[in-house]
Amino acid sequence: MWLLSYLAALQALKRKKRFEKQLTQIDGTLSTIEFQREALENSHSNTEVLRNMGLAAKAMKAVHENMDLNKIDDLMQEITEQQDIAQEISEAFSQRIGFSDGFDEDELMAELEELEQEELNKKMTNIRLPNVPSSSLPAQPDRMPGRLPGLSSTAHRSRAASSRRAAEEDDDIKQLSAWAT
């Protein structure tokens, strides 16, 4: 019995080896078939791409048969000319229209200053000055009331001159304001 089980085990082992060999062969065959299938798909895709490229080339050739490069150049020149005309028209519309065209700016400014001076002269002639006293002024004492001690006479004169200038400027501003209104 031992021998029978040994022979049965040997037969099973041989069958297992045959099946493993068949499995390896079938696996190789399947790999080969899959490789061929992929190659066929690629060939089919390449054929379709080539066919479509041929159709596109024929279509482009048919479209370009009616086109003349000289006509295209002429058309592009016409378009450029029309764009230039449109630009000139646009620039013509956008130019400022006014009184400044044809007038010298310096001459206008000089005329304006002359008119302002004439108006100022007219107003100055209408100004009535106060009467000047005919008696002489009293001598200036060393200390005048209201003067600060230590303030020199030049400082006092400078302050008086600046107040006179401020009053004159106020008068000038008032006159200009009256003239402008």
C-alpha atoms as a PDB file:
ATOM      1  CA  MET A   1       0.000   0.000   0.000  1.00  0.00           C
ATOM      2  CA  TRP A   2       2.797   2.173   0.614  1.00  0.00           C
ATOM      3  CA  LEU A   3       3.902   1.621  -2.916  1.00  0.00           C
ATOM      4  CA  LEU A   4       0.480   2.454  -4.297  1.00  0.00           C
ATOM      5  CA  SER A   5       0.310   5.701  -2.478  1.00  0.00           C
ATOM      6  CA  TYR A   6       3.864   6.448  -3.566  1.00  0.00           C
ATOM      7  CA  LEU A   7       2.885   5.851  -7.216  1.00  0.00           C
ATOM      8  CA  ALA A   8      -0.320   7.880  -6.871  1.00  0.00           C
ATOM      9  CA  ALA A   9       1.658  10.769  -5.334  1.00  0.00           C
ATOM     10  CA  LEU A  10       4.212  10.524  -8.161  1.00  0.00           C
ATOM     11  CA  GLN A  11       1.415  10.569 -10.759  1.00  0.00           C
ATOM     12  CA  ALA A  12      -0.182  13.582  -9.080  1.00  0.00           C
ATOM     13  CA  LEU A  13       3.162  15.375  -9.021  1.00  0.00           C
ATOM     14  CA  LYS A  14       3.701  14.661 -12.739  1.00  0.00           C
ATOM     15  CA  ARG A  15       0.198  15.899 -13.538  1.00  0.00           C
ATOM     16  CA  LYS A  16       0.870  19.028 -11.481  1.00  0.00           C
ATOM     17  CA  LYS A  17       4.090  19.690 -13.434  1.00  0.00           C
ATOM     18  CA  ARG A  18       2.246  19.188 -16.769  1.00  0.00           C
ATOM     19  CA  PHE A  19      -0.477  21.586 -15.673  1.00  0.00           C
ATOM     20  CA  GLU A  20       2.113  24.151 -14.573  1.00  0.00           C
ATOM     21  CA  LYS A  21       3.865  23.814 -17.954  1.00  0.00           C
ATOM     22  CA  GLN A  22       0.532  24.206 -19.790  1.00  0.00           C
ATOM     23  CA  LEU A  23      -0.302  27.195 -17.603  1.00  0.00           C
ATOM     24  CA  THR A  24       3.015  28.826 -18.492  1.00  0.00           C
ATOM     25  CA  GLN A  25       2.403  28.125 -22.197  1.00  0.00           C
ATOM     26  CA  ILE A  26      -1.159  29.477 -22.024  1.00  0.00           C
ATOM     27  CA  ASP A  27       0.094  32.587 -20.148  1.00  0.00           C
ATOM     28  CA  GLY A  28       2.743  33.142 -22.873  1.00  0.00           C
ATOM     29  CA  THR A  29       0.138  32.655 -25.584  1.00  0.00           C
ATOM     30  CA  LEU A  30      -2.214  35.136 -23.892  1.00  0.00           C
ATOM     31  CA  SER A  31       0.611  37.682 -23.612  1.00  0.00           C
ATOM     32  CA  THR A  32       1.423  37.224 -27.300  1.00  0.00           C
ATOM     33  CA  ILE A  33      -2.236  37.583 -28.275  1.00  0.00           C
ATOM     34  CA  GLU A  34      -2.598  40.726 -26.135  1.00  0.00           C
ATOM     35  CA  PHE A  35       0.557  42.199 -27.680  1.00  0.00           C
ATOM     36  CA  GLN A  36      -0.799  41.473 -31.168  1.00  0.00           C
ATOM     37  CA  ARG A  37      -4.177  42.986 -30.248  1.00  0.00           C
ATOM     38  CA  GLU A  38      -2.466  46.184 -29.064  1.00  0.00           C
ATOM     39  CA  ALA A  39      -0.346  46.266 -32.237  1.00  0.00           C
ATOM     40  CA  LEU A  40      -3.503  45.876 -34.336  1.00  0.00           C
ATOM     41  CA  GLU A  41      -5.217  48.693 -32.412  1.00  0.00           C
ATOM     42  CA  ASN A  42      -2.175  50.928 -32.930  1.00  0.00           C
ATOM     43  CA  SER A  43      -2.094  50.026 -36.627  1.00  0.00           C
ATOM     44  CA  HIS A  44      -5.781  50.816 -36.914  1.00  0.00           C
ATOM     45  CA  SER A  45      -5.300  54.158 -35.089  1.00  0.00           C
ATOM     46  CA  ASN A  46      -2.335  55.002 -37.313  1.00  0.00           C
ATOM     47  CA  THR A  47      -4.373  54.117 -40.382  1.00  0.00           C
ATOM     48  CA  GLU A  48      -7.217  56.375 -39.212  1.00  0.00           C
ATOM     49  CA  VAL A  49      -4.828  59.222 -38.436  1.00  0.00           C
ATOM     50  CA  LEU A  50      -3.172  58.849 -41.834  1.00  0.00           C
ATOM     51  CA  ARG A  51      -6.549  58.714 -43.607  1.00  0.00           C
ATOM     52  CA  ASN A  52      -7.791  61.813 -41.736  1.00  0.00           C
ATOM     53  CA  MET A  53      -4.568  63.697 -42.449  1.00  0.00           C
ATOM     54  CA  GLY A  54      -4.981  62.842 -46.134  1.00  0.00           C
ATOM     55  CA  LEU A  55      -8.571  64.093 -46.069  1.00  0.00           C
ATOM     56  CA  ALA A  56      -7.492  67.302 -44.294  1.00  0.00           C
ATOM     57  CA  ALA A  57      -4.696  67.860 -46.828  1.00  0.00           C
ATOM     58  CA  LYS A  58      -7.164  67.375 -49.715  1.00  0.00           C
ATOM     59  CA  ALA A  59      -9.666  69.760 -48.094  1.00  0.00           C
ATOM     60  CA  MET A  60      -6.992  72.404 -47.514  1.00  0.00           C
ATOM     61  CA  LYS A  61      -5.785  72.005 -51.093  1.00  0.00           C
ATOM     62  CA  ALA A  62      -9.349  72.432 -52.364  1.00  0.00           C
ATOM     63  CA  VAL A  63      -9.807  75.568 -50.245  1.00  0.00           C
ATOM     64  CA  HIS A  64      -6.470  77.037 -51.310  1.00  0.00           C
ATOM     65  CA  GLU A  65      -7.041  76.316 -55.008  1.00  0.00           C
ATOM     66  CA  ASN A  66      -9.389  79.308 -55.183  1.00  0.00           C
ATOM     67  CA  MET A  67      -6.999  81.578 -53.332  1.00  0.00           C
ATOM     68  CA  ASP A  68      -4.434  83.680 -55.134  1.00  0.00           C
ATOM     69  CA  LEU A  69      -1.553  85.073 -53.079  1.00  0.00           C
ATOM     70  CA  ASN A  70      -1.592  88.280 -55.130  1.00  0.00           C
ATOM     71  CA  LYS A  71      -5.280  88.736 -54.368  1.00  0.00           C
ATOM     72  CA  ILE A  72      -4.585  88.180 -50.675  1.00  0.00           C
ATOM     73  CA  ASP A  73      -1.791  90.794 -50.729  1.00  0.00           C
ATOM     74  CA  ASP A  74      -4.089  93.254 -52.512  1.00  0.00           C
ATOM     75  CA  LEU A  75      -6.851  92.597 -50.000  1.00  0.00           C
ATOM     76  CA  MET A  76      -4.474  93.139 -47.057  1.00  0.00           C
ATOM     77  CA  GLN A  77      -3.293  96.434 -48.600  1.00  0.00           C
ATOM     78  CA  GLU A  78      -6.900  97.577 -49.017  1.00  0.00           C
ATOM     79  CA  ILE A  79      -7.625  96.705 -45.390  1.00  0.00           C
ATOM     80  CA  THR A  80      -4.537  98.627 -44.254  1.00  0.00           C
ATOM     81  CA  GLU A  81      -5.538 101.660 -46.343  1.00  0.00           C
ATOM     82  CA  GLN A  82      -9.069 101.627 -44.933  1.00  0.00           C
ATOM     83  CA  GLN A  83      -7.704 101.374 -41.380  1.00  0.00           C
ATOM     84  CA  ASP A  84      -5.445 104.381 -42.078  1.00  0.00           C
ATOM     85  CA  ILE A  85      -8.411 106.366 -43.405  1.00  0.00           C
ATOM     86  CA  ALA A  86     -10.463 105.420 -40.338  1.00  0.00           C
ATOM     87  CA  GLN A  87      -7.584 106.543 -38.093  1.00  0.00           C
ATOM     88  CA  GLU A  88      -7.340 109.893 -39.898  1.00  0.00           C
ATOM     89  CA  ILE A  89     -11.087 110.404 -39.558  1.00  0.00           C
ATOM     90  CA  SER A  90     -10.914 109.573 -35.863  1.00  0.00           C
ATOM     91  CA  GLU A  91      -8.037 111.997 -35.338  1.00  0.00           C
ATOM     92  CA  ALA A  92      -9.915 114.707 -37.234  1.00  0.00           C
ATOM     93  CA  PHE A  93     -12.931 114.285 -34.961  1.00  0.00           C
ATOM     94  CA  SER A  94     -10.819 114.271 -31.828  1.00  0.00           C
ATOM     95  CA  GLN A  95      -8.958 117.527 -32.584  1.00  0.00           C
ATOM     96  CA  ARG A  96      -9.914 120.396 -30.338  1.00  0.00           C
ATOM     97  CA  ILE A  97     -11.920 123.072 -32.027  1.00  0.00           C
ATOM     98  CA  GLY A  98     -11.628 126.425 -30.370  1.00  0.00           C
ATOM     99  CA  PHE A  99     -10.401 129.952 -30.403  1.00  0.00           C
ATOM    100  CA  SER A 100      -6.801 129.026 -29.728  1.00  0.00           C
ATOM    101  CA  ASP A 101      -6.181 127.853 -33.306  1.00  0.00           C
ATOM    102  CA  GLY A 102      -4.170 130.395 -35.236  1.00  0.00           C
ATOM    103  CA  PHE A 103      -3.455 132.643 -32.220  1.00  0.00           C
ATOM    104  CA  ASP A 104      -0.091 133.149 -30.616  1.00  0.00           C
ATOM    105  CA  GLU A 105      -0.309 132.316 -26.918  1.00  0.00           C
ATOM    106  CA  ASP A 106       2.301 134.960 -25.968  1.00  0.00           C
ATOM    107  CA  GLU A 107       0.391 137.689 -27.811  1.00  0.00           C
ATOM    108  CA  LEU A 108      -2.818 136.722 -26.031  1.00  0.00           C
ATOM    109  CA  MET A 109      -1.101 136.817 -22.624  1.00  0.00           C
ATOM    110  CA  ALA A 110       0.443 140.229 -23.397  1.00  0.00           C
ATOM    111  CA  GLU A 111      -2.961 141.607 -24.451  1.00  0.00           C
ATOM    112  CA  LEU A 112      -4.565 140.234 -21.282  1.00  0.00           C
ATOM    113  CA  GLU A 113      -1.900 141.876 -19.088  1.00  0.00           C
ATOM    114  CA  GLU A 114      -2.391 145.167 -20.939  1.00  0.00           C
ATOM    115  CA  LEU A 115      -6.153 145.053 -20.342  1.00  0.00           C
ATOM    116  CA  GLU A 116      -5.618 144.252 -16.673  1.00  0.00           C
ATOM    117  CA  GLN A 117      -3.184 147.168 -16.338  1.00  0.00           C
ATOM    118  CA  GLU A 118      -5.635 149.571 -18.018  1.00  0.00           C
ATOM    119  CA  GLU A 119      -8.414 148.474 -15.660  1.00  0.00           C
ATOM    120  CA  LEU A 120      -6.111 148.881 -12.668  1.00  0.00           C
ATOM    121  CA  ASN A 121      -5.081 152.364 -13.857  1.00  0.00           C
ATOM    122  CA  LYS A 122      -8.738 153.390 -14.196  1.00  0.00           C
ATOM    123  CA  LYS A 123      -9.472 152.239 -10.663  1.00  0.00           C
ATOM    124  CA  MET A 124      -6.386 153.967  -9.322  1.00  0.00           C
ATOM    125  CA  THR A 125      -7.454 157.329 -10.800  1.00  0.00           C
ATOM    126  CA  ASN A 126     -10.806 157.045  -9.054  1.00  0.00           C
ATOM    127  CA  ILE A 127      -9.215 156.513  -5.637  1.00  0.00           C
ATOM    128  CA  ARG A 128      -9.413 159.536  -3.382  1.00  0.00           C
ATOM    129  CA  LEU A 129      -6.358 160.036  -1.222  1.00  0.00           C
ATOM    130  CA  PRO A 130      -6.716 161.532   2.251  1.00  0.00           C
ATOM    131  CA  ASN A 131      -5.696 165.140   2.786  1.00  0.00           C
ATOM    132  CA  VAL A 132      -2.156 165.599   3.994  1.00  0.00           C
ATOM    133  CA  PRO A 133      -1.773 167.802   7.064  1.00  0.00           C
ATOM    134  CA  SER A 134       0.037 171.089   6.331  1.00  0.00           C
ATOM    135  CA  SER A 135       1.648 171.398   9.777  1.00  0.00           C
ATOM    136  CA  SER A 136       4.975 169.742  10.508  1.00  0.00           C
ATOM    137  CA  LEU A 137       5.204 166.667  12.685  1.00  0.00           C
ATOM    138  CA  PRO A 138       6.421 166.961  16.278  1.00  0.00           C
ATOM    139  CA  ALA A 139       9.921 165.806  17.066  1.00  0.00           C
ATOM    140  CA  GLN A 140      10.196 162.109  17.906  1.00  0.00           C
ATOM    141  CA  PRO A 141      10.789 161.519  21.609  1.00  0.00           C
ATOM    142  CA  ASP A 142      13.162 158.809  22.795  1.00  0.00           C
ATOM    143  CA  ARG A 143      10.323 156.720  24.142  1.00  0.00           C
ATOM    144  CA  MET A 144       6.938 156.579  22.598  1.00  0.00           C
ATOM    145  CA  PRO A 145       3.983 155.269  24.563  1.00  0.00           C
ATOM    146  CA  GLY A 146       3.093 151.730  23.615  1.00  0.00           C
ATOM    147  CA  ARG A 147       6.630 150.847  22.499  1.00  0.00           C
ATOM    148  CA  LEU A 148       8.223 147.866  24.080  1.00  0.00           C
ATOM    149  CA  PRO A 149      11.430 148.489  25.990  1.00  0.00           C
ATOM    150  CA  GLY A 150      14.497 147.178  24.191  1.00  0.00           C
ATOM    151  CA  LEU A 151      12.798 147.382  20.758  1.00  0.00           C
ATOM    152  CA  SER A 152      15.037 149.395  18.454  1.00  0.00           C
ATOM    153  CA  SER A 153      13.730 152.065  16.143  1.00  0.00           C
ATOM    154  CA  THR A 154      14.710 149.986  13.078  1.00  0.00           C
ATOM    155  CA  ALA A 155      12.591 147.111  14.340  1.00  0.00           C
ATOM    156  CA  HIS A 156       9.727 149.541  14.894  1.00  0.00           C
ATOM    157  CA  ARG A 157      10.143 150.920  11.348  1.00  0.00           C
ATOM    158  CA  SER A 158      10.368 147.405   9.923  1.00  0.00           C
ATOM    159  CA  ARG A 159       7.137 146.423  11.679  1.00  0.00           C
ATOM    160  CA  ALA A 160       5.401 149.572  10.433  1.00  0.00           C
ATOM    161  CA  ALA A 161       6.634 148.944   6.877  1.00  0.00           C
ATOM    162  CA  SER A 162       5.388 145.358   6.919  1.00  0.00           C
ATOM    163  CA  SER A 163       1.950 146.453   8.171  1.00  0.00           C
ATOM    164  CA  ARG A 164       1.803 149.059   5.393  1.00  0.00           C
ATOM    165  CA  ARG A 165       2.720 146.384   2.819  1.00  0.00           C
ATOM    166  CA  ALA A 166       0.058 144.047   4.207  1.00  0.00           C
ATOM    167  CA  ALA A 167      -2.543 146.830   4.018  1.00  0.00           C
ATOM    168  CA  GLU A 168      -1.467 147.639   0.432  1.00  0.00           C
ATOM    169  CA  GLU A 169      -1.683 143.966  -0.534  1.00  0.00           C
ATOM    170  CA  ASP A 170      -5.158 143.759   1.025  1.00  0.00           C
ATOM    171  CA  ASP A 171      -6.208 146.813  -0.993  1.00  0.00           C
ATOM    172  CA  ASP A 172      -4.748 145.289  -4.173  1.00  0.00           C
ATOM    173  CA  ILE A 173      -6.593 142.014  -3.570  1.00  0.00           C
ATOM    174  CA  LYS A 174      -9.852 143.880  -2.969  1.00  0.00           C
ATOM    175  CA  GLN A 175      -9.358 145.868  -6.192  1.00  0.00           C
ATOM    176  CA  LEU A 176      -8.584 142.738  -8.219  1.00  0.00           C
ATOM    177  CA  SER A 177     -11.581 140.995  -6.721  1.00  0.00           C
ATOM    178  CA  ALA A 178     -13.837 143.921  -7.606  1.00  0.00           C
ATOM    179  CA  TRP A 179     -12.387 144.011 -11.123  1.00  0.00           C
ATOM    180  CA  ALA A 180     -12.895 140.281 -11.634  1.00  0.00           C
ATOM    181  CA  THR A 181     -16.582 140.405 -10.632  1.00  0.00           C
END
